[in-house]
Amino acid sequence: MVLSKTASESDASINSTFASRYVRTSLPRFRMPENSIPKEAAYQIINDELMLDGNPRLNLASFVTTWMEPECDKLMMAAINKNYVDMDEYPVTTELQASPFSFLSTKFTPVNISVYSTTTHSR
């Protein structure tokens, strides 16, 4: 998203309509609130903010896959808590990651040698 303006004082708080049964006052946007709020309210506020993003399925110019089979979603959710940077801790995941490269190398190269590189990214 391109930022066209800087945050002002009026943008410094969040007023959530749908979380209003849990939150009676506006919440600060850029600092921790003084009091805690229920987890349901925090979820609703963040979910409402995320709804303002575009819908990736409607972005016909994107090269990114926006739909997967449900089985792929289940596998991703089962492995989402793994810190893949620690490859020694997750040897099966490392083996599974190499499989597509092996499949492709046997399909497109005359000899059964595969050379590949993996990357991990963290911000």
PDB file of N, CA and C in Angstrom:
ATOM      1  N   MET A   1       0.844  -1.171   0.000  1.00  0.00           N
ATOM      2  CA  MET A   1       0.000   0.000   0.000  1.00  0.00           C
ATOM      3  C   MET A   1       0.888   1.232   0.000  1.00  0.00           C
ATOM      4  N   VAL A   2       0.565   2.174  -0.817  1.00  0.00           N
ATOM      5  CA  VAL A   2       1.306   3.422  -0.896  1.00  0.00           C
ATOM      6  C   VAL A   2       0.746   4.387   0.138  1.00  0.00           C
ATOM      7  N   LEU A   3       1.618   4.934   0.954  1.00  0.00           N
ATOM      8  CA  LEU A   3       1.183   5.899   1.950  1.00  0.00           C
ATOM      9  C   LEU A   3       1.164   7.279   1.321  1.00  0.00           C
ATOM     10  N   SER A   4       0.008   7.909   1.341  1.00  0.00           N
ATOM     11  CA  SER A   4      -0.103   9.221   0.718  1.00  0.00           C
ATOM     12  C   SER A   4      -0.093  10.352   1.735  1.00  0.00           C
ATOM     13  N   LYS A   5      -0.151  10.009   3.026  1.00  0.00           N
ATOM     14  CA  LYS A   5      -0.095  11.039   4.061  1.00  0.00           C
ATOM     15  C   LYS A   5       0.494  10.431   5.317  1.00  0.00           C
ATOM     16  N   THR A   6       0.952  11.280   6.197  1.00  0.00           N
ATOM     17  CA  THR A   6       1.464  10.803   7.471  1.00  0.00           C
ATOM     18  C   THR A   6       0.321  10.749   8.472  1.00  0.00           C
ATOM     19  N   ALA A   7       0.501   9.955   9.492  1.00  0.00           N
ATOM     20  CA  ALA A   7      -0.538   9.815  10.510  1.00  0.00           C
ATOM     21  C   ALA A   7      -0.682  11.108  11.296  1.00  0.00           C
ATOM     22  N   SER A   8      -1.909  11.492  11.526  1.00  0.00           N
ATOM     23  CA  SER A   8      -2.173  12.701  12.303  1.00  0.00           C
ATOM     24  C   SER A   8      -2.751  12.301  13.655  1.00  0.00           C
ATOM     25  N   GLU A   9      -3.004  13.274  14.488  1.00  0.00           N
ATOM     26  CA  GLU A   9      -3.589  13.005  15.799  1.00  0.00           C
ATOM     27  C   GLU A   9      -4.964  12.354  15.673  1.00  0.00           C
ATOM     28  N   SER A  10      -5.720  12.721  14.645  1.00  0.00           N
ATOM     29  CA  SER A  10      -7.046  12.123  14.477  1.00  0.00           C
ATOM     30  C   SER A  10      -6.955  10.646  14.103  1.00  0.00           C
ATOM     31  N   ASP A  11      -5.809  10.222  13.534  1.00  0.00           N
ATOM     32  CA  ASP A  11      -5.604   8.821  13.186  1.00  0.00           C
ATOM     33  C   ASP A  11      -5.006   8.025  14.344  1.00  0.00           C
ATOM     34  N   ALA A  12      -4.790   8.651  15.470  1.00  0.00           N
ATOM     35  CA  ALA A  12      -4.066   8.016  16.564  1.00  0.00           C
ATOM     36  C   ALA A  12      -4.910   7.062  17.389  1.00  0.00           C
ATOM     37  N   SER A  13      -6.200   6.941  17.090  1.00  0.00           N
ATOM     38  CA  SER A  13      -7.035   6.015  17.847  1.00  0.00           C
ATOM     39  C   SER A  13      -7.925   5.218  16.903  1.00  0.00           C
ATOM     40  N   ILE A  14      -8.391   4.085  17.405  1.00  0.00           N
ATOM     41  CA  ILE A  14      -9.251   3.188  16.638  1.00  0.00           C
ATOM     42  C   ILE A  14     -10.624   3.166  17.292  1.00  0.00           C
ATOM     43  N   ASN A  15     -11.644   3.435  16.520  1.00  0.00           N
ATOM     44  CA  ASN A  15     -13.022   3.300  16.987  1.00  0.00           C
ATOM     45  C   ASN A  15     -13.626   2.108  16.268  1.00  0.00           C
ATOM     46  N   SER A  16     -13.861   1.036  16.984  1.00  0.00           N
ATOM     47  CA  SER A  16     -14.383  -0.168  16.359  1.00  0.00           C
ATOM     48  C   SER A  16     -15.869  -0.301  16.624  1.00  0.00           C
ATOM     49  N   THR A  17     -16.646  -0.311  15.559  1.00  0.00           N
ATOM     50  CA  THR A  17     -18.097  -0.442  15.689  1.00  0.00           C
ATOM     51  C   THR A  17     -18.485  -1.833  16.146  1.00  0.00           C
ATOM     52  N   PHE A  18     -17.886  -2.859  15.538  1.00  0.00           N
ATOM     53  CA  PHE A  18     -18.316  -4.222  15.803  1.00  0.00           C
ATOM     54  C   PHE A  18     -17.771  -4.790  17.110  1.00  0.00           C
ATOM     55  N   ALA A  19     -16.735  -4.194  17.651  1.00  0.00           N
ATOM     56  CA  ALA A  19     -16.207  -4.640  18.939  1.00  0.00           C
ATOM     57  C   ALA A  19     -16.745  -3.780  20.072  1.00  0.00           C
ATOM     58  N   SER A  20     -17.758  -2.951  19.784  1.00  0.00           N
ATOM     59  CA  SER A  20     -18.223  -1.971  20.769  1.00  0.00           C
ATOM     60  C   SER A  20     -18.824  -2.593  22.017  1.00  0.00           C
ATOM     61  N   ARG A  21     -19.297  -3.834  21.951  1.00  0.00           N
ATOM     62  CA  ARG A  21     -19.823  -4.432  23.181  1.00  0.00           C
ATOM     63  C   ARG A  21     -18.703  -4.764  24.161  1.00  0.00           C
ATOM     64  N   TYR A  22     -17.461  -4.888  23.652  1.00  0.00           N
ATOM     65  CA  TYR A  22     -16.314  -5.157  24.504  1.00  0.00           C
ATOM     66  C   TYR A  22     -15.534  -3.897  24.836  1.00  0.00           C
ATOM     67  N   VAL A  23     -15.526  -2.952  23.912  1.00  0.00           N
ATOM     68  CA  VAL A  23     -14.692  -1.757  24.046  1.00  0.00           C
ATOM     69  C   VAL A  23     -15.592  -0.534  24.029  1.00  0.00           C
ATOM     70  N   ARG A  24     -15.622   0.194  25.123  1.00  0.00           N
ATOM     71  CA  ARG A  24     -16.508   1.355  25.236  1.00  0.00           C
ATOM     72  C   ARG A  24     -15.850   2.654  24.772  1.00  0.00           C
ATOM     73  N   THR A  25     -14.530   2.694  24.773  1.00  0.00           N
ATOM     74  CA  THR A  25     -13.815   3.904  24.356  1.00  0.00           C
ATOM     75  C   THR A  25     -12.907   3.563  23.182  1.00  0.00           C
ATOM     76  N   SER A  26     -12.417   4.585  22.516  1.00  0.00           N
ATOM     77  CA  SER A  26     -11.496   4.343  21.407  1.00  0.00           C
ATOM     78  C   SER A  26     -10.159   3.849  21.949  1.00  0.00           C
ATOM     79  N   LEU A  27      -9.459   3.084  21.134  1.00  0.00           N
ATOM     80  CA  LEU A  27      -8.170   2.525  21.528  1.00  0.00           C
ATOM     81  C   LEU A  27      -7.045   3.257  20.810  1.00  0.00           C
ATOM     82  N   PRO A  28      -5.908   3.440  21.472  1.00  0.00           N
ATOM     83  CA  PRO A  28      -4.778   4.080  20.790  1.00  0.00           C
ATOM     84  C   PRO A  28      -4.241   3.170  19.685  1.00  0.00           C
ATOM     85  N   ARG A  29      -3.888   3.756  18.568  1.00  0.00           N
ATOM     86  CA  ARG A  29      -3.402   2.981  17.424  1.00  0.00           C
ATOM     87  C   ARG A  29      -1.895   2.723  17.495  1.00  0.00           C
ATOM     88  N   PHE A  30      -1.128   3.650  18.044  1.00  0.00           N
ATOM     89  CA  PHE A  30       0.329   3.562  17.983  1.00  0.00           C
ATOM     90  C   PHE A  30       0.995   3.284  19.324  1.00  0.00           C
ATOM     91  N   ARG A  31       0.232   2.938  20.341  1.00  0.00           N
ATOM     92  CA  ARG A  31       0.822   2.586  21.635  1.00  0.00           C
ATOM     93  C   ARG A  31      -0.097   1.599  22.344  1.00  0.00           C
ATOM     94  N   MET A  32       0.418   0.951  23.363  1.00  0.00           N
ATOM     95  CA  MET A  32      -0.379  -0.013  24.119  1.00  0.00           C
ATOM     96  C   MET A  32      -1.445   0.728  24.915  1.00  0.00           C
ATOM     97  N   PRO A  33      -2.669   0.206  24.960  1.00  0.00           N
ATOM     98  CA  PRO A  33      -3.700   0.859  25.769  1.00  0.00           C
ATOM     99  C   PRO A  33      -3.407   0.693  27.261  1.00  0.00           C
ATOM    100  N   GLU A  34      -3.995   1.565  28.050  1.00  0.00           N
ATOM    101  CA  GLU A  34      -3.791   1.511  29.503  1.00  0.00           C
ATOM    102  C   GLU A  34      -4.361   0.224  30.102  1.00  0.00           C
ATOM    103  N   ASN A  35      -5.521  -0.191  29.611  1.00  0.00           N
ATOM    104  CA  ASN A  35      -6.186  -1.387  30.141  1.00  0.00           C
ATOM    105  C   ASN A  35      -6.251  -2.462  29.064  1.00  0.00           C
ATOM    106  N   SER A  36      -6.349  -3.697  29.508  1.00  0.00           N
ATOM    107  CA  SER A  36      -6.450  -4.794  28.549  1.00  0.00           C
ATOM    108  C   SER A  36      -7.874  -4.881  27.995  1.00  0.00           C
ATOM    109  N   ILE A  37      -8.006  -5.572  26.874  1.00  0.00           N
ATOM    110  CA  ILE A  37      -9.322  -5.810  26.285  1.00  0.00           C
ATOM    111  C   ILE A  37      -9.461  -7.311  26.060  1.00  0.00           C
ATOM    112  N   PRO A  38     -10.677  -7.809  25.948  1.00  0.00           N
ATOM    113  CA  PRO A  38     -10.856  -9.245  25.701  1.00  0.00           C
ATOM    114  C   PRO A  38     -10.265  -9.661  24.354  1.00  0.00           C
ATOM    115  N   LYS A  39      -9.826 -10.895  24.289  1.00  0.00           N
ATOM    116  CA  LYS A  39      -9.210 -11.391  23.053  1.00  0.00           C
ATOM    117  C   LYS A  39     -10.179 -11.342  21.879  1.00  0.00           C
ATOM    118  N   GLU A  40     -11.470 -11.521  22.128  1.00  0.00           N
ATOM    119  CA  GLU A  40     -12.467 -11.445  21.060  1.00  0.00           C
ATOM    120  C   GLU A  40     -12.523 -10.042  20.459  1.00  0.00           C
ATOM    121  N   ALA A  41     -12.399  -9.042  21.311  1.00  0.00           N
ATOM    122  CA  ALA A  41     -12.419  -7.655  20.835  1.00  0.00           C
ATOM    123  C   ALA A  41     -11.160  -7.350  20.035  1.00  0.00           C
ATOM    124  N   ALA A  42     -10.007  -7.813  20.517  1.00  0.00           N
ATOM    125  CA  ALA A  42      -8.755  -7.590  19.785  1.00  0.00           C
ATOM    126  C   ALA A  42      -8.829  -8.246  18.409  1.00  0.00           C
ATOM    127  N   TYR A  43      -9.348  -9.466  18.367  1.00  0.00           N
ATOM    128  CA  TYR A  43      -9.508 -10.149  17.081  1.00  0.00           C
ATOM    129  C   TYR A  43     -10.421  -9.353  16.154  1.00  0.00           C
ATOM    130  N   GLN A  44     -11.556  -8.907  16.669  1.00  0.00           N
ATOM    131  CA  GLN A  44     -12.524  -8.191  15.834  1.00  0.00           C
ATOM    132  C   GLN A  44     -11.941  -6.890  15.295  1.00  0.00           C
ATOM    133  N   ILE A  45     -11.212  -6.171  16.120  1.00  0.00           N
ATOM    134  CA  ILE A  45     -10.614  -4.903  15.689  1.00  0.00           C
ATOM    135  C   ILE A  45      -9.584  -5.137  14.589  1.00  0.00           C
ATOM    136  N   ILE A  46      -8.708  -6.113  14.787  1.00  0.00           N
ATOM    137  CA  ILE A  46      -7.681  -6.392  13.777  1.00  0.00           C
ATOM    138  C   ILE A  46      -8.320  -6.927  12.499  1.00  0.00           C
ATOM    139  N   ASN A  47      -9.307  -7.802  12.639  1.00  0.00           N
ATOM    140  CA  ASN A  47      -9.995  -8.345  11.470  1.00  0.00           C
ATOM    141  C   ASN A  47     -10.695  -7.238  10.684  1.00  0.00           C
ATOM    142  N   ASP A  48     -11.314  -6.304  11.383  1.00  0.00           N
ATOM    143  CA  ASP A  48     -11.968  -5.173  10.709  1.00  0.00           C
ATOM    144  C   ASP A  48     -10.955  -4.330   9.939  1.00  0.00           C
ATOM    145  N   GLU A  49      -9.780  -4.110  10.518  1.00  0.00           N
ATOM    146  CA  GLU A  49      -8.740  -3.343   9.834  1.00  0.00           C
ATOM    147  C   GLU A  49      -8.263  -4.076   8.579  1.00  0.00           C
ATOM    148  N   LEU A  50      -8.095  -5.392   8.685  1.00  0.00           N
ATOM    149  CA  LEU A  50      -7.622  -6.172   7.542  1.00  0.00           C
ATOM    150  C   LEU A  50      -8.634  -6.200   6.401  1.00  0.00           C
ATOM    151  N   MET A  51      -9.912  -6.010   6.719  1.00  0.00           N
ATOM    152  CA  MET A  51     -10.940  -5.990   5.671  1.00  0.00           C
ATOM    153  C   MET A  51     -10.779  -4.789   4.741  1.00  0.00           C
ATOM    154  N   LEU A  52     -10.040  -3.782   5.178  1.00  0.00           N
ATOM    155  CA  LEU A  52      -9.819  -2.603   4.343  1.00  0.00           C
ATOM    156  C   LEU A  52      -8.803  -2.867   3.234  1.00  0.00           C
ATOM    157  N   ASP A  53      -8.036  -3.947   3.360  1.00  0.00           N
ATOM    158  CA  ASP A  53      -7.110  -4.324   2.293  1.00  0.00           C
ATOM    159  C   ASP A  53      -7.895  -4.785   1.072  1.00  0.00           C
ATOM    160  N   GLY A  54      -7.225  -4.801  -0.054  1.00  0.00           N
ATOM    161  CA  GLY A  54      -7.850  -5.318  -1.264  1.00  0.00           C
ATOM    162  C   GLY A  54      -8.062  -6.822  -1.175  1.00  0.00           C
ATOM    163  N   ASN A  55      -8.913  -7.340  -2.031  1.00  0.00           N
ATOM    164  CA  ASN A  55      -9.181  -8.771  -2.093  1.00  0.00           C
ATOM    165  C   ASN A  55      -8.243  -9.395  -3.123  1.00  0.00           C
ATOM    166  N   PRO A  56      -7.316 -10.277  -2.714  1.00  0.00           N
ATOM    167  CA  PRO A  56      -6.352 -10.828  -3.664  1.00  0.00           C
ATOM    168  C   PRO A  56      -6.999 -11.626  -4.793  1.00  0.00           C
ATOM    169  N   ARG A  57      -8.156 -12.203  -4.568  1.00  0.00           N
ATOM    170  CA  ARG A  57      -8.821 -12.970  -5.631  1.00  0.00           C
ATOM    171  C   ARG A  57      -9.330 -12.072  -6.747  1.00  0.00           C
ATOM    172  N   LEU A  58      -9.517 -10.797  -6.449  1.00  0.00           N
ATOM    173  CA  LEU A  58      -9.986  -9.865  -7.464  1.00  0.00           C
ATOM    174  C   LEU A  58      -8.841  -9.185  -8.207  1.00  0.00           C
ATOM    175  N   ASN A  59      -7.615  -9.445  -7.804  1.00  0.00           N
ATOM    176  CA  ASN A  59      -6.451  -8.829  -8.433  1.00  0.00           C
ATOM    177  C   ASN A  59      -6.012  -9.687  -9.616  1.00  0.00           C
ATOM    178  N   LEU A  60      -6.514  -9.383 -10.789  1.00  0.00           N
ATOM    179  CA  LEU A  60      -6.197 -10.177 -11.973  1.00  0.00           C
ATOM    180  C   LEU A  60      -4.794  -9.918 -12.497  1.00  0.00           C
ATOM    181  N   ALA A  61      -4.146  -8.878 -12.021  1.00  0.00           N
ATOM    182  CA  ALA A  61      -2.796  -8.562 -12.483  1.00  0.00           C
ATOM    183  C   ALA A  61      -1.728  -9.279 -11.671  1.00  0.00           C
ATOM    184  N   SER A  62      -2.113  -9.964 -10.620  1.00  0.00           N
ATOM    185  CA  SER A  62      -1.143 -10.599  -9.735  1.00  0.00           C
ATOM    186  C   SER A  62      -0.696 -11.945 -10.292  1.00  0.00           C
ATOM    187  N   PHE A  63       0.569 -12.275 -10.067  1.00  0.00           N
ATOM    188  CA  PHE A  63       1.078 -13.590 -10.436  1.00  0.00           C
ATOM    189  C   PHE A  63       1.039 -14.544  -9.244  1.00  0.00           C
ATOM    190  N   VAL A  64       0.587 -14.069  -8.111  1.00  0.00           N
ATOM    191  CA  VAL A  64       0.566 -14.856  -6.887  1.00  0.00           C
ATOM    192  C   VAL A  64      -0.697 -15.717  -6.851  1.00  0.00           C
ATOM    193  N   THR A  65      -0.542 -16.974  -6.463  1.00  0.00           N
ATOM    194  CA  THR A  65      -1.692 -17.856  -6.330  1.00  0.00           C
ATOM    195  C   THR A  65      -2.546 -17.393  -5.160  1.00  0.00           C
ATOM    196  N   THR A  66      -3.824 -17.233  -5.393  1.00  0.00           N
ATOM    197  CA  THR A  66      -4.706 -16.756  -4.325  1.00  0.00           C
ATOM    198  C   THR A  66      -5.676 -17.828  -3.856  1.00  0.00           C
ATOM    199  N   TRP A  67      -5.641 -19.005  -4.460  1.00  0.00           N
ATOM    200  CA  TRP A  67      -6.495 -20.101  -4.014  1.00  0.00           C
ATOM    201  C   TRP A  67      -5.687 -21.377  -4.043  1.00  0.00           C
ATOM    202  N   MET A  68      -5.890 -22.208  -3.040  1.00  0.00           N
ATOM    203  CA  MET A  68      -5.244 -23.515  -2.998  1.00  0.00           C
ATOM    204  C   MET A  68      -6.279 -24.544  -2.592  1.00  0.00           C
ATOM    205  N   GLU A  69      -5.975 -25.788  -2.856  1.00  0.00           N
ATOM    206  CA  GLU A  69      -6.826 -26.871  -2.394  1.00  0.00           C
ATOM    207  C   GLU A  69      -6.830 -26.865  -0.867  1.00  0.00           C
ATOM    208  N   PRO A  70      -7.942 -27.254  -0.246  1.00  0.00           N
ATOM    209  CA  PRO A  70      -8.031 -27.256   1.226  1.00  0.00           C
ATOM    210  C   PRO A  70      -6.945 -28.098   1.890  1.00  0.00           C
ATOM    211  N   GLU A  71      -6.512 -29.173   1.243  1.00  0.00           N
ATOM    212  CA  GLU A  71      -5.461 -30.010   1.825  1.00  0.00           C
ATOM    213  C   GLU A  71      -4.151 -29.241   1.961  1.00  0.00           C
ATOM    214  N   CYS A  72      -3.862 -28.371   1.003  1.00  0.00           N
ATOM    215  CA  CYS A  72      -2.649 -27.539   1.092  1.00  0.00           C
ATOM    216  C   CYS A  72      -2.752 -26.566   2.262  1.00  0.00           C
ATOM    217  N   ASP A  73      -3.918 -25.967   2.429  1.00  0.00           N
ATOM    218  CA  ASP A  73      -4.130 -25.067   3.569  1.00  0.00           C
ATOM    219  C   ASP A  73      -3.924 -25.801   4.887  1.00  0.00           C
ATOM    220  N   LYS A  74      -4.436 -27.029   4.992  1.00  0.00           N
ATOM    221  CA  LYS A  74      -4.284 -27.814   6.224  1.00  0.00           C
ATOM    222  C   LYS A  74      -2.811 -28.108   6.508  1.00  0.00           C
ATOM    223  N   LEU A  75      -2.064 -28.487   5.460  1.00  0.00           N
ATOM    224  CA  LEU A  75      -0.638 -28.769   5.654  1.00  0.00           C
ATOM    225  C   LEU A  75       0.124 -27.524   6.090  1.00  0.00           C
ATOM    226  N   MET A  76      -0.193 -26.393   5.490  1.00  0.00           N
ATOM    227  CA  MET A  76       0.482 -25.153   5.872  1.00  0.00           C
ATOM    228  C   MET A  76       0.173 -24.785   7.319  1.00  0.00           C
ATOM    229  N   MET A  77      -1.071 -24.930   7.724  1.00  0.00           N
ATOM    230  CA  MET A  77      -1.435 -24.595   9.102  1.00  0.00           C
ATOM    231  C   MET A  77      -0.797 -25.566  10.094  1.00  0.00           C
ATOM    232  N   ALA A  78      -0.607 -26.822   9.697  1.00  0.00           N
ATOM    233  CA  ALA A  78       0.032 -27.798  10.581  1.00  0.00           C
ATOM    234  C   ALA A  78       1.507 -27.479  10.794  1.00  0.00           C
ATOM    235  N   ALA A  79       2.139 -26.806   9.827  1.00  0.00           N
ATOM    236  CA  ALA A  79       3.572 -26.523   9.916  1.00  0.00           C
ATOM    237  C   ALA A  79       3.878 -25.058  10.186  1.00  0.00           C
ATOM    238  N   ILE A  80       2.874 -24.245  10.426  1.00  0.00           N
ATOM    239  CA  ILE A  80       3.096 -22.799  10.527  1.00  0.00           C
ATOM    240  C   ILE A  80       3.948 -22.398  11.736  1.00  0.00           C
ATOM    241  N   ASN A  81       3.967 -23.207  12.775  1.00  0.00           N
ATOM    242  CA  ASN A  81       4.732 -22.830  13.966  1.00  0.00           C
ATOM    243  C   ASN A  81       6.183 -23.313  13.926  1.00  0.00           C
ATOM    244  N   LYS A  82       6.605 -23.912  12.832  1.00  0.00           N
ATOM    245  CA  LYS A  82       7.997 -24.360  12.727  1.00  0.00           C
ATOM    246  C   LYS A  82       8.887 -23.195  12.312  1.00  0.00           C
ATOM    247  N   ASN A  83       9.994 -23.045  13.009  1.00  0.00           N
ATOM    248  CA  ASN A  83      10.990 -22.040  12.646  1.00  0.00           C
ATOM    249  C   ASN A  83      11.967 -22.709  11.692  1.00  0.00           C
ATOM    250  N   TYR A  84      11.702 -22.565  10.408  1.00  0.00           N
ATOM    251  CA  TYR A  84      12.446 -23.336   9.418  1.00  0.00           C
ATOM    252  C   TYR A  84      13.914 -22.943   9.312  1.00  0.00           C
ATOM    253  N   VAL A  85      14.301 -21.834   9.872  1.00  0.00           N
ATOM    254  CA  VAL A  85      15.719 -21.462   9.865  1.00  0.00           C
ATOM    255  C   VAL A  85      16.535 -22.541  10.572  1.00  0.00           C
ATOM    256  N   ASP A  86      15.933 -23.200  11.560  1.00  0.00           N
ATOM    257  CA  ASP A  86      16.598 -24.270  12.304  1.00  0.00           C
ATOM    258  C   ASP A  86      16.350 -25.601  11.582  1.00  0.00           C
ATOM    259  N   MET A  87      17.025 -25.806  10.446  1.00  0.00           N
ATOM    260  CA  MET A  87      16.798 -26.990   9.616  1.00  0.00           C
ATOM    261  C   MET A  87      17.164 -28.291  10.320  1.00  0.00           C
ATOM    262  N   ASP A  88      18.131 -28.242  11.241  1.00  0.00           N
ATOM    263  CA  ASP A  88      18.521 -29.459  11.951  1.00  0.00           C
ATOM    264  C   ASP A  88      17.402 -29.965  12.851  1.00  0.00           C
ATOM    265  N   GLU A  89      16.574 -29.068  13.318  1.00  0.00           N
ATOM    266  CA  GLU A  89      15.464 -29.444  14.194  1.00  0.00           C
ATOM    267  C   GLU A  89      14.320 -30.081  13.412  1.00  0.00           C
ATOM    268  N   TYR A  90      14.228 -29.783  12.107  1.00  0.00           N
ATOM    269  CA  TYR A  90      13.114 -30.255  11.283  1.00  0.00           C
ATOM    270  C   TYR A  90      13.637 -30.962  10.034  1.00  0.00           C
ATOM    271  N   PRO A  91      14.273 -32.135  10.186  1.00  0.00           N
ATOM    272  CA  PRO A  91      14.868 -32.810   9.024  1.00  0.00           C
ATOM    273  C   PRO A  91      13.833 -33.302   8.006  1.00  0.00           C
ATOM    274  N   VAL A  92      12.665 -33.702   8.452  1.00  0.00           N
ATOM    275  CA  VAL A  92      11.644 -34.179   7.514  1.00  0.00           C
ATOM    276  C   VAL A  92      11.150 -33.029   6.640  1.00  0.00           C
ATOM    277  N   THR A  93      10.977 -31.869   7.224  1.00  0.00           N
ATOM    278  CA  THR A  93      10.568 -30.696   6.449  1.00  0.00           C
ATOM    279  C   THR A  93      11.622 -30.360   5.401  1.00  0.00           C
ATOM    280  N   THR A  94      12.892 -30.485   5.768  1.00  0.00           N
ATOM    281  CA  THR A  94      13.975 -30.230   4.824  1.00  0.00           C
ATOM    282  C   THR A  94      13.934 -31.237   3.680  1.00  0.00           C
ATOM    283  N   GLU A  95      13.691 -32.507   4.002  1.00  0.00           N
ATOM    284  CA  GLU A  95      13.586 -33.538   2.960  1.00  0.00           C
ATOM    285  C   GLU A  95      12.407 -33.257   2.038  1.00  0.00           C
ATOM    286  N   LEU A  96      11.277 -32.901   2.616  1.00  0.00           N
ATOM    287  CA  LEU A  96      10.095 -32.607   1.798  1.00  0.00           C
ATOM    288  C   LEU A  96      10.320 -31.403   0.898  1.00  0.00           C
ATOM    289  N   GLN A  97      11.070 -30.438   1.381  1.00  0.00           N
ATOM    290  CA  GLN A  97      11.339 -29.250   0.576  1.00  0.00           C
ATOM    291  C   GLN A  97      12.180 -29.598  -0.642  1.00  0.00           C
ATOM    292  N   ALA A  98      13.062 -30.565  -0.515  1.00  0.00           N
ATOM    293  CA  ALA A  98      13.935 -30.942  -1.626  1.00  0.00           C
ATOM    294  C   ALA A  98      13.205 -31.768  -2.683  1.00  0.00           C
ATOM    295  N   SER A  99      12.099 -32.383  -2.344  1.00  0.00           N
ATOM    296  CA  SER A  99      11.395 -33.279  -3.269  1.00  0.00           C
ATOM    297  C   SER A  99      11.021 -32.646  -4.601  1.00  0.00           C
ATOM    298  N   PRO A 100      10.391 -31.484  -4.644  1.00  0.00           N
ATOM    299  CA  PRO A 100      10.034 -30.919  -5.960  1.00  0.00           C
ATOM    300  C   PRO A 100      11.245 -30.684  -6.855  1.00  0.00           C
ATOM    301  N   PHE A 101      12.378 -30.311  -6.269  1.00  0.00           N
ATOM    302  CA  PHE A 101      13.578 -30.100  -7.066  1.00  0.00           C
ATOM    303  C   PHE A 101      14.062 -31.417  -7.660  1.00  0.00           C
ATOM    304  N   SER A 102      13.971 -32.486  -6.888  1.00  0.00           N
ATOM    305  CA  SER A 102      14.360 -33.797  -7.403  1.00  0.00           C
ATOM    306  C   SER A 102      13.437 -34.227  -8.527  1.00  0.00           C
ATOM    307  N   PHE A 103      12.148 -34.018  -8.368  1.00  0.00           N
ATOM    308  CA  PHE A 103      11.184 -34.374  -9.412  1.00  0.00           C
ATOM    309  C   PHE A 103      11.506 -33.639 -10.705  1.00  0.00           C
ATOM    310  N   LEU A 104      11.743 -32.340 -10.586  1.00  0.00           N
ATOM    311  CA  LEU A 104      12.016 -31.529 -11.771  1.00  0.00           C
ATOM    312  C   LEU A 104      13.352 -31.888 -12.413  1.00  0.00           C
ATOM    313  N   SER A 105      14.351 -32.196 -11.591  1.00  0.00           N
ATOM    314  CA  SER A 105      15.665 -32.500 -12.161  1.00  0.00           C
ATOM    315  C   SER A 105      15.628 -33.794 -12.958  1.00  0.00           C
ATOM    316  N   THR A 106      14.866 -34.781 -12.521  1.00  0.00           N
ATOM    317  CA  THR A 106      14.777 -36.024 -13.289  1.00  0.00           C
ATOM    318  C   THR A 106      13.952 -35.833 -14.553  1.00  0.00           C
ATOM    319  N   LYS A 107      13.097 -34.870 -14.565  1.00  0.00           N
ATOM    320  CA  LYS A 107      12.246 -34.616 -15.727  1.00  0.00           C
ATOM    321  C   LYS A 107      12.972 -33.822 -16.809  1.00  0.00           C
ATOM    322  N   PHE A 108      13.806 -32.875 -16.413  1.00  0.00           N
ATOM    323  CA  PHE A 108      14.358 -31.926 -17.380  1.00  0.00           C
ATOM    324  C   PHE A 108      15.871 -31.990 -17.571  1.00  0.00           C
ATOM    325  N   THR A 109      16.570 -32.870 -16.893  1.00  0.00           N
ATOM    326  CA  THR A 109      18.016 -32.965 -17.090  1.00  0.00           C
ATOM    327  C   THR A 109      18.371 -34.373 -17.560  1.00  0.00           C
ATOM    328  N   PRO A 110      19.408 -34.505 -18.381  1.00  0.00           N
ATOM    329  CA  PRO A 110      19.766 -35.830 -18.896  1.00  0.00           C
ATOM    330  C   PRO A 110      20.377 -36.752 -17.836  1.00  0.00           C
ATOM    331  N   VAL A 111      20.991 -36.178 -16.835  1.00  0.00           N
ATOM    332  CA  VAL A 111      21.555 -36.995 -15.759  1.00  0.00           C
ATOM    333  C   VAL A 111      20.774 -36.719 -14.483  1.00  0.00           C
ATOM    334  N   ASN A 112      20.814 -37.651 -13.590  1.00  0.00           N
ATOM    335  CA  ASN A 112      20.025 -37.530 -12.364  1.00  0.00           C
ATOM    336  C   ASN A 112      20.800 -36.755 -11.303  1.00  0.00           C
ATOM    337  N   ILE A 113      21.099 -35.499 -11.579  1.00  0.00           N
ATOM    338  CA  ILE A 113      21.798 -34.625 -10.637  1.00  0.00           C
ATOM    339  C   ILE A 113      20.929 -33.395 -10.430  1.00  0.00           C
ATOM    340  N   SER A 114      20.656 -33.103  -9.212  1.00  0.00           N
ATOM    341  CA  SER A 114      19.866 -31.894  -8.954  1.00  0.00           C
ATOM    342  C   SER A 114      20.662 -30.942  -8.083  1.00  0.00           C
ATOM    343  N   VAL A 115      20.669 -29.702  -8.484  1.00  0.00           N
ATOM    344  CA  VAL A 115      21.309 -28.640  -7.719  1.00  0.00           C
ATOM    345  C   VAL A 115      20.232 -27.615  -7.437  1.00  0.00           C
ATOM    346  N   TYR A 116      20.054 -27.278  -6.186  1.00  0.00           N
ATOM    347  CA  TYR A 116      19.029 -26.304  -5.844  1.00  0.00           C
ATOM    348  C   TYR A 116      19.482 -25.484  -4.658  1.00  0.00           C
ATOM    349  N   SER A 117      18.797 -24.412  -4.454  1.00  0.00           N
ATOM    350  CA  SER A 117      19.094 -23.520  -3.337  1.00  0.00           C
ATOM    351  C   SER A 117      17.786 -23.161  -2.661  1.00  0.00           C
ATOM    352  N   THR A 118      17.803 -23.046  -1.361  1.00  0.00           N
ATOM    353  CA  THR A 118      16.606 -22.637  -0.631  1.00  0.00           C
ATOM    354  C   THR A 118      16.863 -21.294   0.033  1.00  0.00           C
ATOM    355  N   THR A 119      15.793 -20.601   0.291  1.00  0.00           N
ATOM    356  CA  THR A 119      15.911 -19.324   0.990  1.00  0.00           C
ATOM    357  C   THR A 119      14.885 -19.269   2.096  1.00  0.00           C
ATOM    358  N   THR A 120      15.222 -18.583   3.130  1.00  0.00           N
ATOM    359  CA  THR A 120      14.263 -18.257   4.181  1.00  0.00           C
ATOM    360  C   THR A 120      14.346 -16.761   4.391  1.00  0.00           C
ATOM    361  N   HIS A 121      13.256 -16.195   4.823  1.00  0.00           N
ATOM    362  CA  HIS A 121      13.216 -14.742   4.960  1.00  0.00           C
ATOM    363  C   HIS A 121      12.519 -14.386   6.260  1.00  0.00           C
ATOM    364  N   SER A 122      13.066 -13.446   6.931  1.00  0.00           N
ATOM    365  CA  SER A 122      12.451 -12.958   8.153  1.00  0.00           C
ATOM    366  C   SER A 122      12.681 -11.464   8.234  1.00  0.00           C
ATOM    367  N   ARG A 123      11.651 -10.741   8.600  1.00  0.00           N
ATOM    368  CA  ARG A 123      11.795  -9.290   8.740  1.00  0.00           C
ATOM    369  C   ARG A 123      11.883  -8.919  10.174  1.00  0.00           C
TER     370      ARG A 123
END
